[in-house]
Amino acid sequence: VAQTAGITLHIELLYGTNNHHICEAIYKGF
């Protein structure tokens, strides 16, 4: 997505244990 939309994109997981929550938090943050 970043490549074709021309976005400089920084994604960090600060903390978390549940994999579903991790993925969903990243997508909602994006």
PDB file of all heavy atoms in Angstrom:
ATOM      1  N   VAL A   1       0.842  -1.200   0.000  1.00  0.00           N
ATOM      2  CA  VAL A   1       0.000   0.000   0.000  1.00  0.00           C
ATOM      3  C   VAL A   1       0.878   1.251   0.000  1.00  0.00           C
ATOM      4  O   VAL A   1       0.653   2.194  -0.765  1.00  0.00           O
ATOM      5  CB  VAL A   1      -0.966   0.017   1.204  1.00  0.00           C
ATOM      6  CG1 VAL A   1      -1.642   1.382   1.339  1.00  0.00           C
ATOM      7  CG2 VAL A   1      -2.031  -1.060   1.056  1.00  0.00           C
ATOM      8  N   ALA A   2       1.883   1.276   0.872  1.00  0.00           N
ATOM      9  CA  ALA A   2       2.762   2.441   0.965  1.00  0.00           C
ATOM     10  C   ALA A   2       3.465   2.702  -0.359  1.00  0.00           C
ATOM     11  O   ALA A   2       3.586   3.854  -0.801  1.00  0.00           O
ATOM     12  CB  ALA A   2       3.779   2.249   2.088  1.00  0.00           C
ATOM     13  N   GLN A   3       3.933   1.640  -1.016  1.00  0.00           N
ATOM     14  CA  GLN A   3       4.643   1.793  -2.276  1.00  0.00           C
ATOM     15  C   GLN A   3       3.776   2.430  -3.353  1.00  0.00           C
ATOM     16  O   GLN A   3       4.205   3.351  -4.051  1.00  0.00           O
ATOM     17  CB  GLN A   3       5.148   0.426  -2.760  1.00  0.00           C
ATOM     18  CG  GLN A   3       6.354  -0.097  -1.999  1.00  0.00           C
ATOM     19  CD  GLN A   3       7.598   0.747  -2.223  1.00  0.00           C
ATOM     20  OE1 GLN A   3       7.956   1.062  -3.351  1.00  0.00           O
ATOM     21  NE2 GLN A   3       8.256   1.117  -1.145  1.00  0.00           N
ATOM     22  N   THR A   4       2.564   1.940  -3.519  1.00  0.00           N
ATOM     23  CA  THR A   4       1.746   2.411  -4.635  1.00  0.00           C
ATOM     24  C   THR A   4       0.970   3.695  -4.318  1.00  0.00           C
ATOM     25  O   THR A   4       0.611   4.428  -5.235  1.00  0.00           O
ATOM     26  CB  THR A   4       0.782   1.317  -5.124  1.00  0.00           C
ATOM     27  OG1 THR A   4       0.018   0.823  -4.025  1.00  0.00           O
ATOM     28  CG2 THR A   4       1.557   0.166  -5.753  1.00  0.00           C
ATOM     29  N   ALA A   5       0.728   3.968  -3.040  1.00  0.00           N
ATOM     30  CA  ALA A   5       0.054   5.220  -2.674  1.00  0.00           C
ATOM     31  C   ALA A   5       1.054   6.352  -2.442  1.00  0.00           C
ATOM     32  O   ALA A   5       0.654   7.510  -2.306  1.00  0.00           O
ATOM     33  CB  ALA A   5      -0.800   5.026  -1.419  1.00  0.00           C
ATOM     34  N   GLY A   6       2.352   6.034  -2.393  1.00  0.00           N
ATOM     35  CA  GLY A   6       3.362   7.063  -2.172  1.00  0.00           C
ATOM     36  C   GLY A   6       3.382   7.588  -0.751  1.00  0.00           C
ATOM     37  O   GLY A   6       3.470   8.795  -0.519  1.00  0.00           O
ATOM     38  N   ILE A   7       3.325   6.665   0.204  1.00  0.00           N
ATOM     39  CA  ILE A   7       3.234   7.036   1.618  1.00  0.00           C
ATOM     40  C   ILE A   7       4.517   6.650   2.345  1.00  0.00           C
ATOM     41  O   ILE A   7       5.000   5.522   2.220  1.00  0.00           O
ATOM     42  CB  ILE A   7       2.047   6.327   2.292  1.00  0.00           C
ATOM     43  CG1 ILE A   7       0.727   6.738   1.640  1.00  0.00           C
ATOM     44  CG2 ILE A   7       2.011   6.622   3.786  1.00  0.00           C
ATOM     45  CD1 ILE A   7      -0.454   5.897   2.089  1.00  0.00           C
ATOM     46  N   THR A   8       5.067   7.575   3.120  1.00  0.00           N
ATOM     47  CA  THR A   8       6.080   7.240   4.115  1.00  0.00           C
ATOM     48  C   THR A   8       5.313   6.813   5.364  1.00  0.00           C
ATOM     49  O   THR A   8       4.573   7.609   5.945  1.00  0.00           O
ATOM     50  CB  THR A   8       6.964   8.448   4.430  1.00  0.00           C
ATOM     51  OG1 THR A   8       7.632   8.865   3.239  1.00  0.00           O
ATOM     52  CG2 THR A   8       7.996   8.110   5.492  1.00  0.00           C
ATOM     53  N   LEU A   9       5.498   5.558   5.766  1.00  0.00           N
ATOM     54  CA  LEU A   9       4.622   4.951   6.778  1.00  0.00           C
ATOM     55  C   LEU A   9       5.457   4.305   7.874  1.00  0.00           C
ATOM     56  O   LEU A   9       6.297   3.442   7.602  1.00  0.00           O
ATOM     57  CB  LEU A   9       3.732   3.910   6.088  1.00  0.00           C
ATOM     58  CG  LEU A   9       2.779   3.086   6.945  1.00  0.00           C
ATOM     59  CD1 LEU A   9       1.809   3.971   7.716  1.00  0.00           C
ATOM     60  CD2 LEU A   9       2.013   2.098   6.062  1.00  0.00           C
ATOM     61  N   HIS A  10       5.232   4.734   9.108  1.00  0.00           N
ATOM     62  CA  HIS A  10       5.913   4.181  10.272  1.00  0.00           C
ATOM     63  C   HIS A  10       4.877   3.503  11.163  1.00  0.00           C
ATOM     64  O   HIS A  10       3.906   4.146  11.588  1.00  0.00           O
ATOM     65  CB  HIS A  10       6.626   5.278  11.056  1.00  0.00           C
ATOM     66  CG  HIS A  10       7.771   5.898  10.317  1.00  0.00           C
ATOM     67  ND1 HIS A  10       9.084   5.731  10.704  1.00  0.00           N
ATOM     68  CD2 HIS A  10       7.804   6.657   9.189  1.00  0.00           C
ATOM     69  CE1 HIS A  10       9.876   6.386   9.861  1.00  0.00           C
ATOM     70  NE2 HIS A  10       9.118   6.950   8.939  1.00  0.00           N
ATOM     71  N   ILE A  11       5.087   2.228  11.433  1.00  0.00           N
ATOM     72  CA  ILE A  11       4.161   1.439  12.251  1.00  0.00           C
ATOM     73  C   ILE A  11       4.942   0.809  13.389  1.00  0.00           C
ATOM     74  O   ILE A  11       5.932   0.113  13.166  1.00  0.00           O
ATOM     75  CB  ILE A  11       3.463   0.355  11.413  1.00  0.00           C
ATOM     76  CG1 ILE A  11       2.547   0.999  10.363  1.00  0.00           C
ATOM     77  CG2 ILE A  11       2.675  -0.603  12.311  1.00  0.00           C
ATOM     78  CD1 ILE A  11       1.935   0.016   9.384  1.00  0.00           C
ATOM     79  N   GLU A  12       4.491   1.047  14.611  1.00  0.00           N
ATOM     80  CA  GLU A  12       5.140   0.482  15.783  1.00  0.00           C
ATOM     81  C   GLU A  12       4.108  -0.165  16.701  1.00  0.00           C
ATOM     82  O   GLU A  12       3.070   0.434  17.006  1.00  0.00           O
ATOM     83  CB  GLU A  12       5.850   1.563  16.593  1.00  0.00           C
ATOM     84  CG  GLU A  12       6.989   2.263  15.898  1.00  0.00           C
ATOM     85  CD  GLU A  12       7.526   3.373  16.779  1.00  0.00           C
ATOM     86  OE1 GLU A  12       8.425   3.092  17.592  1.00  0.00           O
ATOM     87  OE2 GLU A  12       7.023   4.499  16.669  1.00  0.00           O
ATOM     88  N   LEU A  13       4.409  -1.371  17.141  1.00  0.00           N
ATOM     89  CA  LEU A  13       3.675  -1.971  18.242  1.00  0.00           C
ATOM     90  C   LEU A  13       4.398  -1.577  19.523  1.00  0.00           C
ATOM     91  O   LEU A  13       5.547  -1.980  19.736  1.00  0.00           O
ATOM     92  CB  LEU A  13       3.631  -3.493  18.098  1.00  0.00           C
ATOM     93  CG  LEU A  13       3.068  -4.237  19.309  1.00  0.00           C
ATOM     94  CD1 LEU A  13       1.593  -3.894  19.528  1.00  0.00           C
ATOM     95  CD2 LEU A  13       3.279  -5.737  19.153  1.00  0.00           C
ATOM     96  N   LEU A  14       3.763  -0.768  20.355  1.00  0.00           N
ATOM     97  CA  LEU A  14       4.391  -0.341  21.599  1.00  0.00           C
ATOM     98  C   LEU A  14       4.343  -1.460  22.627  1.00  0.00           C
ATOM     99  O   LEU A  14       5.318  -1.705  23.332  1.00  0.00           O
ATOM    100  CB  LEU A  14       3.726   0.928  22.118  1.00  0.00           C
ATOM    101  CG  LEU A  14       3.816   2.126  21.166  1.00  0.00           C
ATOM    102  CD1 LEU A  14       3.144   3.344  21.772  1.00  0.00           C
ATOM    103  CD2 LEU A  14       5.258   2.435  20.808  1.00  0.00           C
ATOM    104  N   TYR A  15       3.197  -2.139  22.707  1.00  0.00           N
ATOM    105  CA  TYR A  15       3.080  -3.342  23.519  1.00  0.00           C
ATOM    106  C   TYR A  15       1.767  -4.028  23.199  1.00  0.00           C
ATOM    107  O   TYR A  15       0.876  -3.436  22.589  1.00  0.00           O
ATOM    108  CB  TYR A  15       3.185  -3.051  25.024  1.00  0.00           C
ATOM    109  CG  TYR A  15       2.382  -1.872  25.510  1.00  0.00           C
ATOM    110  CD1 TYR A  15       1.016  -1.973  25.790  1.00  0.00           C
ATOM    111  CD2 TYR A  15       3.001  -0.645  25.729  1.00  0.00           C
ATOM    112  CE1 TYR A  15       0.293  -0.887  26.252  1.00  0.00           C
ATOM    113  CE2 TYR A  15       2.281   0.451  26.189  1.00  0.00           C
ATOM    114  CZ  TYR A  15       0.919   0.314  26.453  1.00  0.00           C
ATOM    115  OH  TYR A  15       0.210   1.391  26.902  1.00  0.00           O
ATOM    116  N   GLY A  16       1.683  -5.293  23.588  1.00  0.00           N
ATOM    117  CA  GLY A  16       0.485  -6.078  23.333  1.00  0.00           C
ATOM    118  C   GLY A  16       0.820  -7.554  23.290  1.00  0.00           C
ATOM    119  O   GLY A  16       1.952  -7.938  22.988  1.00  0.00           O
ATOM    120  N   THR A  17      -0.164  -8.389  23.584  1.00  0.00           N
ATOM    121  CA  THR A  17       0.059  -9.835  23.616  1.00  0.00           C
ATOM    122  C   THR A  17      -0.911 -10.596  22.719  1.00  0.00           C
ATOM    123  O   THR A  17      -0.538 -11.623  22.159  1.00  0.00           O
ATOM    124  CB  THR A  17      -0.056 -10.374  25.054  1.00  0.00           C
ATOM    125  OG1 THR A  17      -1.336 -10.015  25.599  1.00  0.00           O
ATOM    126  CG2 THR A  17       1.055  -9.817  25.943  1.00  0.00           C
ATOM    127  N   ASN A  18      -2.125 -10.122  22.583  1.00  0.00           N
ATOM    128  CA  ASN A  18      -3.126 -10.829  21.783  1.00  0.00           C
ATOM    129  C   ASN A  18      -2.935 -10.473  20.311  1.00  0.00           C
ATOM    130  O   ASN A  18      -3.013  -9.307  19.931  1.00  0.00           O
ATOM    131  CB  ASN A  18      -4.535 -10.458  22.265  1.00  0.00           C
ATOM    132  CG  ASN A  18      -5.615 -11.173  21.496  1.00  0.00           C
ATOM    133  OD1 ASN A  18      -5.896 -10.832  20.343  1.00  0.00           O
ATOM    134  ND2 ASN A  18      -6.232 -12.150  22.122  1.00  0.00           N
ATOM    135  N   ASN A  19      -2.692 -11.477  19.468  1.00  0.00           N
ATOM    136  CA  ASN A  19      -2.361 -11.218  18.070  1.00  0.00           C
ATOM    137  C   ASN A  19      -3.489 -10.547  17.300  1.00  0.00           C
ATOM    138  O   ASN A  19      -3.236  -9.709  16.439  1.00  0.00           O
ATOM    139  CB  ASN A  19      -1.937 -12.525  17.394  1.00  0.00           C
ATOM    140  CG  ASN A  19      -0.569 -12.977  17.837  1.00  0.00           C
ATOM    141  OD1 ASN A  19       0.436 -12.648  17.224  1.00  0.00           O
ATOM    142  ND2 ASN A  19      -0.513 -13.745  18.924  1.00  0.00           N
ATOM    143  N   HIS A  20      -4.729 -10.914  17.577  1.00  0.00           N
ATOM    144  CA  HIS A  20      -5.871 -10.258  16.933  1.00  0.00           C
ATOM    145  C   HIS A  20      -5.895  -8.781  17.304  1.00  0.00           C
ATOM    146  O   HIS A  20      -6.053  -7.911  16.436  1.00  0.00           O
ATOM    147  CB  HIS A  20      -7.166 -10.951  17.373  1.00  0.00           C
ATOM    148  CG  HIS A  20      -8.393 -10.491  16.665  1.00  0.00           C
ATOM    149  ND1 HIS A  20      -9.285 -11.355  16.078  1.00  0.00           N
ATOM    150  CD2 HIS A  20      -8.901  -9.251  16.437  1.00  0.00           C
ATOM    151  CE1 HIS A  20     -10.275 -10.676  15.521  1.00  0.00           C
ATOM    152  NE2 HIS A  20     -10.062  -9.386  15.743  1.00  0.00           N
ATOM    153  N   HIS A  21      -5.702  -8.491  18.572  1.00  0.00           N
ATOM    154  CA  HIS A  21      -5.701  -7.100  19.022  1.00  0.00           C
ATOM    155  C   HIS A  21      -4.556  -6.313  18.389  1.00  0.00           C
ATOM    156  O   HIS A  21      -4.724  -5.148  18.022  1.00  0.00           O
ATOM    157  CB  HIS A  21      -5.585  -7.030  20.546  1.00  0.00           C
ATOM    158  CG  HIS A  21      -6.757  -7.588  21.274  1.00  0.00           C
ATOM    159  ND1 HIS A  21      -6.747  -7.833  22.629  1.00  0.00           N
ATOM    160  CD2 HIS A  21      -7.996  -7.957  20.828  1.00  0.00           C
ATOM    161  CE1 HIS A  21      -7.919  -8.321  22.998  1.00  0.00           C
ATOM    162  NE2 HIS A  21      -8.690  -8.411  21.926  1.00  0.00           N
ATOM    163  N   ILE A  22      -3.392  -6.940  18.278  1.00  0.00           N
ATOM    164  CA  ILE A  22      -2.238  -6.267  17.686  1.00  0.00           C
ATOM    165  C   ILE A  22      -2.553  -5.859  16.245  1.00  0.00           C
ATOM    166  O   ILE A  22      -2.341  -4.712  15.845  1.00  0.00           O
ATOM    167  CB  ILE A  22      -0.994  -7.173  17.740  1.00  0.00           C
ATOM    168  CG1 ILE A  22      -0.512  -7.312  19.190  1.00  0.00           C
ATOM    169  CG2 ILE A  22       0.119  -6.634  16.851  1.00  0.00           C
ATOM    170  CD1 ILE A  22       0.521  -8.409  19.392  1.00  0.00           C
ATOM    171  N   CYS A  23      -3.051  -6.804  15.459  1.00  0.00           N
ATOM    172  CA  CYS A  23      -3.335  -6.511  14.056  1.00  0.00           C
ATOM    173  C   CYS A  23      -4.413  -5.449  13.916  1.00  0.00           C
ATOM    174  O   CYS A  23      -4.282  -4.498  13.136  1.00  0.00           O
ATOM    175  CB  CYS A  23      -3.755  -7.799  13.343  1.00  0.00           C
ATOM    176  SG  CYS A  23      -3.900  -7.627  11.557  1.00  0.00           S
ATOM    177  N   GLU A  24      -5.471  -5.582  14.702  1.00  0.00           N
ATOM    178  CA  GLU A  24      -6.581  -4.635  14.581  1.00  0.00           C
ATOM    179  C   GLU A  24      -6.172  -3.243  15.048  1.00  0.00           C
ATOM    180  O   GLU A  24      -6.564  -2.238  14.435  1.00  0.00           O
ATOM    181  CB  GLU A  24      -7.785  -5.137  15.376  1.00  0.00           C
ATOM    182  CG  GLU A  24      -9.049  -4.383  15.070  1.00  0.00           C
ATOM    183  CD  GLU A  24     -10.306  -5.135  15.454  1.00  0.00           C
ATOM    184  OE1 GLU A  24     -10.309  -6.383  15.427  1.00  0.00           O
ATOM    185  OE2 GLU A  24     -11.301  -4.444  15.764  1.00  0.00           O
ATOM    186  N   ALA A  25      -5.373  -3.158  16.089  1.00  0.00           N
ATOM    187  CA  ALA A  25      -4.905  -1.846  16.551  1.00  0.00           C
ATOM    188  C   ALA A  25      -4.065  -1.168  15.474  1.00  0.00           C
ATOM    189  O   ALA A  25      -4.179   0.043  15.252  1.00  0.00           O
ATOM    190  CB  ALA A  25      -4.098  -1.998  17.842  1.00  0.00           C
ATOM    191  N   ILE A  26      -3.230  -1.935  14.780  1.00  0.00           N
ATOM    192  CA  ILE A  26      -2.401  -1.372  13.713  1.00  0.00           C
ATOM    193  C   ILE A  26      -3.273  -0.857  12.579  1.00  0.00           C
ATOM    194  O   ILE A  26      -3.077   0.267  12.081  1.00  0.00           O
ATOM    195  CB  ILE A  26      -1.387  -2.412  13.214  1.00  0.00           C
ATOM    196  CG1 ILE A  26      -0.299  -2.630  14.275  1.00  0.00           C
ATOM    197  CG2 ILE A  26      -0.772  -1.991  11.884  1.00  0.00           C
ATOM    198  CD1 ILE A  26       0.606  -3.813  13.994  1.00  0.00           C
ATOM    199  N   TYR A  27      -4.249  -1.644  12.138  1.00  0.00           N
ATOM    200  CA  TYR A  27      -5.112  -1.212  11.037  1.00  0.00           C
ATOM    201  C   TYR A  27      -5.951   0.006  11.425  1.00  0.00           C
ATOM    202  O   TYR A  27      -6.134   0.923  10.615  1.00  0.00           O
ATOM    203  CB  TYR A  27      -6.009  -2.360  10.571  1.00  0.00           C
ATOM    204  CG  TYR A  27      -5.397  -3.174   9.461  1.00  0.00           C
ATOM    205  CD1 TYR A  27      -4.522  -4.208   9.742  1.00  0.00           C
ATOM    206  CD2 TYR A  27      -5.659  -2.881   8.136  1.00  0.00           C
ATOM    207  CE1 TYR A  27      -3.938  -4.951   8.724  1.00  0.00           C
ATOM    208  CE2 TYR A  27      -5.082  -3.612   7.109  1.00  0.00           C
ATOM    209  CZ  TYR A  27      -4.217  -4.647   7.406  1.00  0.00           C
ATOM    210  OH  TYR A  27      -3.636  -5.370   6.393  1.00  0.00           O
ATOM    211  N   LYS A  28      -6.448   0.036  12.645  1.00  0.00           N
ATOM    212  CA  LYS A  28      -7.244   1.189  13.070  1.00  0.00           C
ATOM    213  C   LYS A  28      -6.371   2.434  13.201  1.00  0.00           C
ATOM    214  O   LYS A  28      -6.792   3.547  12.869  1.00  0.00           O
ATOM    215  CB  LYS A  28      -7.949   0.881  14.386  1.00  0.00           C
ATOM    216  CG  LYS A  28      -9.107  -0.098  14.234  1.00  0.00           C
ATOM    217  CD  LYS A  28      -9.748  -0.422  15.573  1.00  0.00           C
ATOM    218  CE  LYS A  28     -10.965  -1.310  15.404  1.00  0.00           C
ATOM    219  NZ  LYS A  28     -11.561  -1.704  16.696  1.00  0.00           N
ATOM    220  N   GLY A  29      -5.135   2.256  13.670  1.00  0.00           N
ATOM    221  CA  GLY A  29      -4.217   3.386  13.736  1.00  0.00           C
ATOM    222  C   GLY A  29      -3.896   3.917  12.350  1.00  0.00           C
ATOM    223  O   GLY A  29      -3.845   5.134  12.131  1.00  0.00           O
ATOM    224  N   PHE A  30      -3.665   3.010  11.405  1.00  0.00           N
ATOM    225  CA  PHE A  30      -3.422   3.417  10.020  1.00  0.00           C
ATOM    226  C   PHE A  30      -4.620   4.178   9.475  1.00  0.00           C
ATOM    227  O   PHE A  30      -4.480   5.218   8.810  1.00  0.00           O
ATOM    228  CB  PHE A  30      -3.127   2.173   9.180  1.00  0.00           C
ATOM    229  CG  PHE A  30      -2.932   2.437   7.717  1.00  0.00           C
ATOM    230  CD1 PHE A  30      -1.981   3.346   7.266  1.00  0.00           C
ATOM    231  CD2 PHE A  30      -3.686   1.765   6.766  1.00  0.00           C
ATOM    232  CE1 PHE A  30      -1.788   3.579   5.908  1.00  0.00           C
ATOM    233  CE2 PHE A  30      -3.509   1.983   5.411  1.00  0.00           C
ATOM    234  CZ  PHE A  30      -2.558   2.897   4.984  1.00  0.00           C
TER     235      PHE A  30
END
